[in-house]
């Protein structure tokens, strides 16, 4: 396995199958120079030290969700963007 240094990360909606049903969950996705290469195994749970911090975290998640395409997990290629 080749080491791929992380250059940045963001929140992304990932589409996947769960109990033969299509679901959408929010994950942290990590990138290198070639694009997305890893993501959190479980959906993220926002955590903050105060109400105001929580609002900032949620607004950041929502901004990423609204401006970035949905990703799908493909066994052969990892994450791929879903057009639309």
PDB file of N, CA and C in Angstrom:
ATOM      1  N   UNK A   1       0.839  -1.170   0.000  1.00  0.00           N
ATOM      2  CA  UNK A   1       0.000   0.000   0.000  1.00  0.00           C
ATOM      3  C   UNK A   1       0.893   1.244   0.000  1.00  0.00           C
ATOM      4  N   UNK A   2       0.594   2.195  -0.842  1.00  0.00           N
ATOM      5  CA  UNK A   2       1.360   3.422  -0.958  1.00  0.00           C
ATOM      6  C   UNK A   2       0.808   4.474  -0.014  1.00  0.00           C
ATOM      7  N   UNK A   3       1.702   5.154   0.685  1.00  0.00           N
ATOM      8  CA  UNK A   3       1.291   6.241   1.563  1.00  0.00           C
ATOM      9  C   UNK A   3       0.858   7.439   0.733  1.00  0.00           C
ATOM     10  N   UNK A   4      -0.315   7.971   1.032  1.00  0.00           N
ATOM     11  CA  UNK A   4      -0.841   9.137   0.312  1.00  0.00           C
ATOM     12  C   UNK A   4      -1.106  10.227   1.336  1.00  0.00           C
ATOM     13  N   UNK A   5      -0.250  11.252   1.412  1.00  0.00           N
ATOM     14  CA  UNK A   5      -0.428  12.292   2.428  1.00  0.00           C
ATOM     15  C   UNK A   5      -1.708  13.099   2.198  1.00  0.00           C
ATOM     16  N   UNK A   6      -2.391  13.381   3.274  1.00  0.00           N
ATOM     17  CA  UNK A   6      -3.626  14.162   3.217  1.00  0.00           C
ATOM     18  C   UNK A   6      -3.280  15.629   2.989  1.00  0.00           C
ATOM     19  N   UNK A   7      -3.931  16.237   1.996  1.00  0.00           N
ATOM     20  CA  UNK A   7      -3.721  17.659   1.744  1.00  0.00           C
ATOM     21  C   UNK A   7      -4.847  18.506   2.320  1.00  0.00           C
ATOM     22  N   UNK A   8      -6.061  17.939   2.409  1.00  0.00           N
ATOM     23  CA  UNK A   8      -7.184  18.643   3.026  1.00  0.00           C
ATOM     24  C   UNK A   8      -8.341  17.672   3.252  1.00  0.00           C
ATOM     25  N   UNK A   9      -9.390  18.147   3.895  1.00  0.00           N
ATOM     26  CA  UNK A   9     -10.582  17.346   4.125  1.00  0.00           C
ATOM     27  C   UNK A   9     -11.797  18.261   4.121  1.00  0.00           C
ATOM     28  N   UNK A  10     -12.976  17.662   3.984  1.00  0.00           N
ATOM     29  CA  UNK A  10     -14.223  18.392   4.134  1.00  0.00           C
ATOM     30  C   UNK A  10     -15.342  17.408   4.452  1.00  0.00           C
ATOM     31  N   UNK A  11     -16.514  17.955   4.681  1.00  0.00           N
ATOM     32  CA  UNK A  11     -17.694  17.127   4.901  1.00  0.00           C
ATOM     33  C   UNK A  11     -18.342  16.853   3.558  1.00  0.00           C
ATOM     34  N   UNK A  12     -18.758  15.606   3.328  1.00  0.00           N
ATOM     35  CA  UNK A  12     -19.427  15.242   2.086  1.00  0.00           C
ATOM     36  C   UNK A  12     -20.567  14.277   2.379  1.00  0.00           C
ATOM     37  N   UNK A  13     -21.604  14.383   1.584  1.00  0.00           N
ATOM     38  CA  UNK A  13     -22.681  13.410   1.643  1.00  0.00           C
ATOM     39  C   UNK A  13     -22.242  12.204   0.821  1.00  0.00           C
ATOM     40  N   UNK A  14     -22.369  11.014   1.413  1.00  0.00           N
ATOM     41  CA  UNK A  14     -22.021   9.782   0.723  1.00  0.00           C
ATOM     42  C   UNK A  14     -23.280   8.918   0.609  1.00  0.00           C
ATOM     43  N   UNK A  15     -23.537   8.467  -0.613  1.00  0.00           N
ATOM     44  CA  UNK A  15     -24.648   7.538  -0.879  1.00  0.00           C
ATOM     45  C   UNK A  15     -24.126   6.117  -0.767  1.00  0.00           C
ATOM     46  N   UNK A  16     -24.882   5.271  -0.096  1.00  0.00           N
ATOM     47  CA  UNK A  16     -24.500   3.861  -0.015  1.00  0.00           C
ATOM     48  C   UNK A  16     -25.731   3.008   0.256  1.00  0.00           C
ATOM     49  N   UNK A  17     -25.552   1.715   0.174  1.00  0.00           N
ATOM     50  CA  UNK A  17     -26.634   0.771   0.423  1.00  0.00           C
ATOM     51  C   UNK A  17     -26.585   0.325   1.885  1.00  0.00           C
ATOM     52  N   UNK A  18     -27.763   0.266   2.486  1.00  0.00           N
ATOM     53  CA  UNK A  18     -27.884  -0.211   3.863  1.00  0.00           C
ATOM     54  C   UNK A  18     -29.168  -1.024   3.939  1.00  0.00           C
ATOM     55  N   UNK A  19     -29.040  -2.310   4.213  1.00  0.00           N
ATOM     56  CA  UNK A  19     -30.193  -3.208   4.252  1.00  0.00           C
ATOM     57  C   UNK A  19     -31.005  -3.125   2.960  1.00  0.00           C
ATOM     58  N   UNK A  20     -30.296  -3.160   1.830  1.00  0.00           N
ATOM     59  CA  UNK A  20     -30.889  -3.116   0.498  1.00  0.00           C
ATOM     60  C   UNK A  20     -31.672  -1.832   0.223  1.00  0.00           C
ATOM     61  N   UNK A  21     -31.336  -0.782   0.932  1.00  0.00           N
ATOM     62  CA  UNK A  21     -31.976   0.514   0.735  1.00  0.00           C
ATOM     63  C   UNK A  21     -30.898   1.566   0.511  1.00  0.00           C
ATOM     64  N   UNK A  22     -31.161   2.517  -0.381  1.00  0.00           N
ATOM     65  CA  UNK A  22     -30.208   3.601  -0.641  1.00  0.00           C
ATOM     66  C   UNK A  22     -30.369   4.654   0.447  1.00  0.00           C
ATOM     67  N   UNK A  23     -29.243   5.008   1.084  1.00  0.00           N
ATOM     68  CA  UNK A  23     -29.251   6.028   2.127  1.00  0.00           C
ATOM     69  C   UNK A  23     -28.144   7.041   1.861  1.00  0.00           C
ATOM     70  N   UNK A  24     -28.297   8.232   2.447  1.00  0.00           N
ATOM     71  CA  UNK A  24     -27.314   9.305   2.323  1.00  0.00           C
ATOM     72  C   UNK A  24     -26.869   9.686   3.722  1.00  0.00           C
ATOM     73  N   UNK A  25     -25.556   9.705   3.952  1.00  0.00           N
ATOM     74  CA  UNK A  25     -25.009  10.051   5.261  1.00  0.00           C
ATOM     75  C   UNK A  25     -23.871  11.052   5.099  1.00  0.00           C
ATOM     76  N   UNK A  26     -23.597  11.817   6.147  1.00  0.00           N
ATOM     77  CA  UNK A  26     -22.528  12.822   6.124  1.00  0.00           C
ATOM     78  C   UNK A  26     -21.256  12.220   6.714  1.00  0.00           C
ATOM     79  N   UNK A  27     -20.142  12.402   5.981  1.00  0.00           N
ATOM     80  CA  UNK A  27     -18.845  11.870   6.407  1.00  0.00           C
ATOM     81  C   UNK A  27     -17.763  12.926   6.230  1.00  0.00           C
ATOM     82  N   UNK A  28     -16.677  12.770   6.960  1.00  0.00           N
ATOM     83  CA  UNK A  28     -15.458  13.520   6.663  1.00  0.00           C
ATOM     84  C   UNK A  28     -14.758  12.762   5.538  1.00  0.00           C
ATOM     85  N   UNK A  29     -14.343  13.485   4.497  1.00  0.00           N
ATOM     86  CA  UNK A  29     -13.630  12.885   3.369  1.00  0.00           C
ATOM     87  C   UNK A  29     -12.250  13.532   3.302  1.00  0.00           C
ATOM     88  N   UNK A  30     -11.227  12.701   3.134  1.00  0.00           N
ATOM     89  CA  UNK A  30      -9.838  13.149   3.122  1.00  0.00           C
ATOM     90  C   UNK A  30      -9.283  13.051   1.707  1.00  0.00           C
ATOM     91  N   UNK A  31      -8.484  14.047   1.332  1.00  0.00           N
ATOM     92  CA  UNK A  31      -7.971  14.177  -0.030  1.00  0.00           C
ATOM     93  C   UNK A  31      -6.449  14.209  -0.054  1.00  0.00           C
ATOM     94  N   UNK A  32      -5.904  13.803  -1.196  1.00  0.00           N
ATOM     95  CA  UNK A  32      -4.503  14.044  -1.508  1.00  0.00           C
ATOM     96  C   UNK A  32      -4.476  14.743  -2.866  1.00  0.00           C
ATOM     97  N   UNK A  33      -3.321  14.829  -3.481  1.00  0.00           N
ATOM     98  CA  UNK A  33      -3.214  15.527  -4.765  1.00  0.00           C
ATOM     99  C   UNK A  33      -4.020  14.869  -5.881  1.00  0.00           C
ATOM    100  N   UNK A  34      -4.393  13.605  -5.711  1.00  0.00           N
ATOM    101  CA  UNK A  34      -5.142  12.883  -6.739  1.00  0.00           C
ATOM    102  C   UNK A  34      -6.655  12.933  -6.519  1.00  0.00           C
ATOM    103  N   UNK A  35      -7.113  13.483  -5.412  1.00  0.00           N
ATOM    104  CA  UNK A  35      -8.539  13.546  -5.128  1.00  0.00           C
ATOM    105  C   UNK A  35      -8.893  12.833  -3.839  1.00  0.00           C
ATOM    106  N   UNK A  36     -10.181  12.535  -3.639  1.00  0.00           N
ATOM    107  CA  UNK A  36     -10.587  11.877  -2.396  1.00  0.00           C
ATOM    108  C   UNK A  36     -10.018  10.469  -2.310  1.00  0.00           C
ATOM    109  N   UNK A  37      -9.489  10.107  -1.125  1.00  0.00           N
ATOM    110  CA  UNK A  37      -8.920   8.770  -1.001  1.00  0.00           C
ATOM    111  C   UNK A  37      -9.376   8.024   0.238  1.00  0.00           C
ATOM    112  N   UNK A  38      -9.979   8.699   1.201  1.00  0.00           N
ATOM    113  CA  UNK A  38     -10.470   7.980   2.377  1.00  0.00           C
ATOM    114  C   UNK A  38     -11.585   8.794   3.033  1.00  0.00           C
ATOM    115  N   UNK A  39     -12.321   8.137   3.912  1.00  0.00           N
ATOM    116  CA  UNK A  39     -13.458   8.772   4.557  1.00  0.00           C
ATOM    117  C   UNK A  39     -13.715   8.076   5.880  1.00  0.00           C
ATOM    118  N   UNK A  40     -14.466   8.739   6.746  1.00  0.00           N
ATOM    119  CA  UNK A  40     -14.794   8.135   8.030  1.00  0.00           C
ATOM    120  C   UNK A  40     -15.691   6.922   7.803  1.00  0.00           C
ATOM    121  N   UNK A  41     -15.438   5.857   8.545  1.00  0.00           N
ATOM    122  CA  UNK A  41     -16.202   4.624   8.381  1.00  0.00           C
ATOM    123  C   UNK A  41     -17.664   4.807   8.788  1.00  0.00           C
ATOM    124  N   UNK A  42     -17.886   5.591   9.795  1.00  0.00           N
ATOM    125  CA  UNK A  42     -19.246   5.865  10.266  1.00  0.00           C
ATOM    126  C   UNK A  42     -19.586   7.317   9.977  1.00  0.00           C
ATOM    127  N   UNK A  43     -20.863   7.631   9.802  1.00  0.00           N
ATOM    128  CA  UNK A  43     -21.252   9.037   9.618  1.00  0.00           C
ATOM    129  C   UNK A  43     -20.784   9.880  10.802  1.00  0.00           C
ATOM    130  N   UNK A  44     -20.503  11.143  10.540  1.00  0.00           N
ATOM    131  CA  UNK A  44     -20.022  12.028  11.594  1.00  0.00           C
ATOM    132  C   UNK A  44     -21.172  12.490  12.483  1.00  0.00           C
ATOM    133  N   UNK A  45     -20.846  12.690  13.745  1.00  0.00           N
ATOM    134  CA  UNK A  45     -21.770  13.259  14.714  1.00  0.00           C
ATOM    135  C   UNK A  45     -21.191  14.597  15.141  1.00  0.00           C
ATOM    136  N   UNK A  46     -21.851  15.695  14.826  1.00  0.00           N
ATOM    137  CA  UNK A  46     -21.300  17.001  15.197  1.00  0.00           C
ATOM    138  C   UNK A  46     -21.157  17.128  16.709  1.00  0.00           C
ATOM    139  N   UNK A  47     -20.050  17.702  17.125  1.00  0.00           N
ATOM    140  CA  UNK A  47     -19.768  17.930  18.538  1.00  0.00           C
ATOM    141  C   UNK A  47     -19.158  19.309  18.684  1.00  0.00           C
ATOM    142  N   UNK A  48     -19.538  20.017  19.735  1.00  0.00           N
ATOM    143  CA  UNK A  48     -19.001  21.366  19.953  1.00  0.00           C
ATOM    144  C   UNK A  48     -19.010  21.672  21.452  1.00  0.00           C
ATOM    145  N   UNK A  49     -18.284  22.714  21.810  1.00  0.00           N
ATOM    146  CA  UNK A  49     -18.186  23.119  23.207  1.00  0.00           C
ATOM    147  C   UNK A  49     -19.252  24.108  23.646  1.00  0.00           C
ATOM    148  N   UNK A  50     -20.012  24.627  22.691  1.00  0.00           N
ATOM    149  CA  UNK A  50     -21.064  25.584  23.035  1.00  0.00           C
ATOM    150  C   UNK A  50     -22.122  25.588  21.935  1.00  0.00           C
ATOM    151  N   UNK A  51     -23.221  26.217  22.225  1.00  0.00           N
ATOM    152  CA  UNK A  51     -24.296  26.347  21.240  1.00  0.00           C
ATOM    153  C   UNK A  51     -23.796  27.067  19.993  1.00  0.00           C
ATOM    154  N   UNK A  52     -23.084  28.184  20.190  1.00  0.00           N
ATOM    155  CA  UNK A  52     -22.585  28.957  19.050  1.00  0.00           C
ATOM    156  C   UNK A  52     -21.599  28.155  18.203  1.00  0.00           C
ATOM    157  N   UNK A  53     -20.712  27.399  18.864  1.00  0.00           N
ATOM    158  CA  UNK A  53     -19.775  26.555  18.124  1.00  0.00           C
ATOM    159  C   UNK A  53     -20.517  25.474  17.352  1.00  0.00           C
ATOM    160  N   UNK A  54     -21.556  24.898  17.958  1.00  0.00           N
ATOM    161  CA  UNK A  54     -22.343  23.872  17.280  1.00  0.00           C
ATOM    162  C   UNK A  54     -23.003  24.444  16.025  1.00  0.00           C
ATOM    163  N   UNK A  55     -23.532  25.637  16.129  1.00  0.00           N
ATOM    164  CA  UNK A  55     -24.148  26.270  14.968  1.00  0.00           C
ATOM    165  C   UNK A  55     -23.120  26.467  13.860  1.00  0.00           C
ATOM    166  N   UNK A  56     -21.906  26.897  14.224  1.00  0.00           N
ATOM    167  CA  UNK A  56     -20.848  27.062  13.217  1.00  0.00           C
ATOM    168  C   UNK A  56     -20.487  25.738  12.550  1.00  0.00           C
ATOM    169  N   UNK A  57     -20.378  24.675  13.349  1.00  0.00           N
ATOM    170  CA  UNK A  57     -20.062  23.353  12.798  1.00  0.00           C
ATOM    171  C   UNK A  57     -21.164  22.914  11.834  1.00  0.00           C
ATOM    172  N   UNK A  58     -22.413  23.048  12.246  1.00  0.00           N
ATOM    173  CA  UNK A  58     -23.535  22.635  11.405  1.00  0.00           C
ATOM    174  C   UNK A  58     -23.627  23.470  10.134  1.00  0.00           C
ATOM    175  N   UNK A  59     -23.370  24.764  10.243  1.00  0.00           N
ATOM    176  CA  UNK A  59     -23.379  25.621   9.052  1.00  0.00           C
ATOM    177  C   UNK A  59     -22.280  25.215   8.079  1.00  0.00           C
ATOM    178  N   UNK A  60     -21.107  24.861   8.606  1.00  0.00           N
ATOM    179  CA  UNK A  60     -20.011  24.394   7.748  1.00  0.00           C
ATOM    180  C   UNK A  60     -20.367  23.094   7.045  1.00  0.00           C
ATOM    181  N   UNK A  61     -20.983  22.170   7.775  1.00  0.00           N
ATOM    182  CA  UNK A  61     -21.403  20.908   7.183  1.00  0.00           C
ATOM    183  C   UNK A  61     -22.440  21.152   6.085  1.00  0.00           C
ATOM    184  N   UNK A  62     -23.403  22.012   6.367  1.00  0.00           N
ATOM    185  CA  UNK A  62     -24.445  22.318   5.402  1.00  0.00           C
ATOM    186  C   UNK A  62     -23.864  22.991   4.156  1.00  0.00           C
ATOM    187  N   UNK A  63     -22.920  23.895   4.347  1.00  0.00           N
ATOM    188  CA  UNK A  63     -22.278  24.566   3.206  1.00  0.00           C
ATOM    189  C   UNK A  63     -21.575  23.551   2.311  1.00  0.00           C
ATOM    190  N   UNK A  64     -20.814  22.633   2.916  1.00  0.00           N
ATOM    191  CA  UNK A  64     -20.147  21.596   2.122  1.00  0.00           C
ATOM    192  C   UNK A  64     -21.171  20.732   1.399  1.00  0.00           C
ATOM    193  N   UNK A  65     -22.262  20.373   2.090  1.00  0.00           N
ATOM    194  CA  UNK A  65     -23.287  19.513   1.494  1.00  0.00           C
ATOM    195  C   UNK A  65     -23.970  20.197   0.314  1.00  0.00           C
ATOM    196  N   UNK A  66     -24.168  21.489   0.403  1.00  0.00           N
ATOM    197  CA  UNK A  66     -24.879  22.220  -0.649  1.00  0.00           C
ATOM    198  C   UNK A  66     -24.004  22.525  -1.865  1.00  0.00           C
ATOM    199  N   UNK A  67     -22.695  22.596  -1.670  1.00  0.00           N
ATOM    200  CA  UNK A  67     -21.815  23.042  -2.753  1.00  0.00           C
ATOM    201  C   UNK A  67     -20.989  21.932  -3.396  1.00  0.00           C
ATOM    202  N   UNK A  68     -20.975  20.753  -2.828  1.00  0.00           N
ATOM    203  CA  UNK A  68     -20.177  19.642  -3.355  1.00  0.00           C
ATOM    204  C   UNK A  68     -21.097  18.519  -3.823  1.00  0.00           C
ATOM    205  N   UNK A  69     -20.749  17.836  -4.926  1.00  0.00           N
ATOM    206  CA  UNK A  69     -21.574  16.709  -5.376  1.00  0.00           C
ATOM    207  C   UNK A  69     -21.593  15.570  -4.353  1.00  0.00           C
ATOM    208  N   UNK A  70     -22.655  14.800  -4.384  1.00  0.00           N
ATOM    209  CA  UNK A  70     -22.758  13.597  -3.556  1.00  0.00           C
ATOM    210  C   UNK A  70     -21.723  12.590  -4.053  1.00  0.00           C
ATOM    211  N   UNK A  71     -21.163  11.827  -3.136  1.00  0.00           N
ATOM    212  CA  UNK A  71     -20.205  10.775  -3.478  1.00  0.00           C
ATOM    213  C   UNK A  71     -20.850   9.409  -3.290  1.00  0.00           C
ATOM    214  N   UNK A  72     -20.391   8.435  -4.043  1.00  0.00           N
ATOM    215  CA  UNK A  72     -20.833   7.056  -3.887  1.00  0.00           C
ATOM    216  C   UNK A  72     -19.596   6.192  -3.677  1.00  0.00           C
ATOM    217  N   UNK A  73     -19.714   5.195  -2.825  1.00  0.00           N
ATOM    218  CA  UNK A  73     -18.621   4.256  -2.601  1.00  0.00           C
ATOM    219  C   UNK A  73     -18.680   3.183  -3.682  1.00  0.00           C
ATOM    220  N   UNK A  74     -17.615   3.085  -4.473  1.00  0.00           N
ATOM    221  CA  UNK A  74     -17.483   2.056  -5.504  1.00  0.00           C
ATOM    222  C   UNK A  74     -16.338   1.141  -5.087  1.00  0.00           C
ATOM    223  N   UNK A  75     -16.570  -0.144  -5.060  1.00  0.00           N
ATOM    224  CA  UNK A  75     -15.555  -1.086  -4.583  1.00  0.00           C
ATOM    225  C   UNK A  75     -14.243  -0.988  -5.335  1.00  0.00           C
ATOM    226  N   UNK A  76     -14.312  -0.837  -6.655  1.00  0.00           N
ATOM    227  CA  UNK A  76     -13.094  -0.851  -7.461  1.00  0.00           C
ATOM    228  C   UNK A  76     -12.328   0.465  -7.406  1.00  0.00           C
ATOM    229  N   UNK A  77     -13.036   1.579  -7.284  1.00  0.00           N
ATOM    230  CA  UNK A  77     -12.374   2.875  -7.414  1.00  0.00           C
ATOM    231  C   UNK A  77     -12.432   3.735  -6.166  1.00  0.00           C
ATOM    232  N   UNK A  78     -13.093   3.300  -5.124  1.00  0.00           N
ATOM    233  CA  UNK A  78     -13.235   4.136  -3.928  1.00  0.00           C
ATOM    234  C   UNK A  78     -14.426   5.052  -4.062  1.00  0.00           C
ATOM    235  N   UNK A  79     -14.231   6.340  -3.883  1.00  0.00           N
ATOM    236  CA  UNK A  79     -15.314   7.307  -3.969  1.00  0.00           C
ATOM    237  C   UNK A  79     -15.416   7.900  -5.363  1.00  0.00           C
ATOM    238  N   UNK A  80     -16.620   7.995  -5.868  1.00  0.00           N
ATOM    239  CA  UNK A  80     -16.859   8.651  -7.159  1.00  0.00           C
ATOM    240  C   UNK A  80     -17.975   9.665  -6.984  1.00  0.00           C
ATOM    241  N   UNK A  81     -17.891  10.776  -7.708  1.00  0.00           N
ATOM    242  CA  UNK A  81     -18.918  11.801  -7.649  1.00  0.00           C
ATOM    243  C   UNK A  81     -20.118  11.380  -8.475  1.00  0.00           C
ATOM    244  N   UNK A  82     -21.307  11.660  -7.938  1.00  0.00           N
ATOM    245  CA  UNK A  82     -22.543  11.390  -8.649  1.00  0.00           C
ATOM    246  C   UNK A  82     -22.945  12.678  -9.355  1.00  0.00           C
ATOM    247  N   UNK A  83     -23.037  12.660 -10.673  1.00  0.00           N
ATOM    248  CA  UNK A  83     -23.438  13.873 -11.399  1.00  0.00           C
ATOM    249  C   UNK A  83     -24.843  14.334 -10.980  1.00  0.00           C
ATOM    250  N   UNK A  84     -25.017  15.642 -10.976  1.00  0.00           N
ATOM    251  CA  UNK A  84     -26.361  16.145 -10.731  1.00  0.00           C
ATOM    252  C   UNK A  84     -26.415  17.089  -9.635  1.00  0.00           C
TER     253      UNK A  84
END
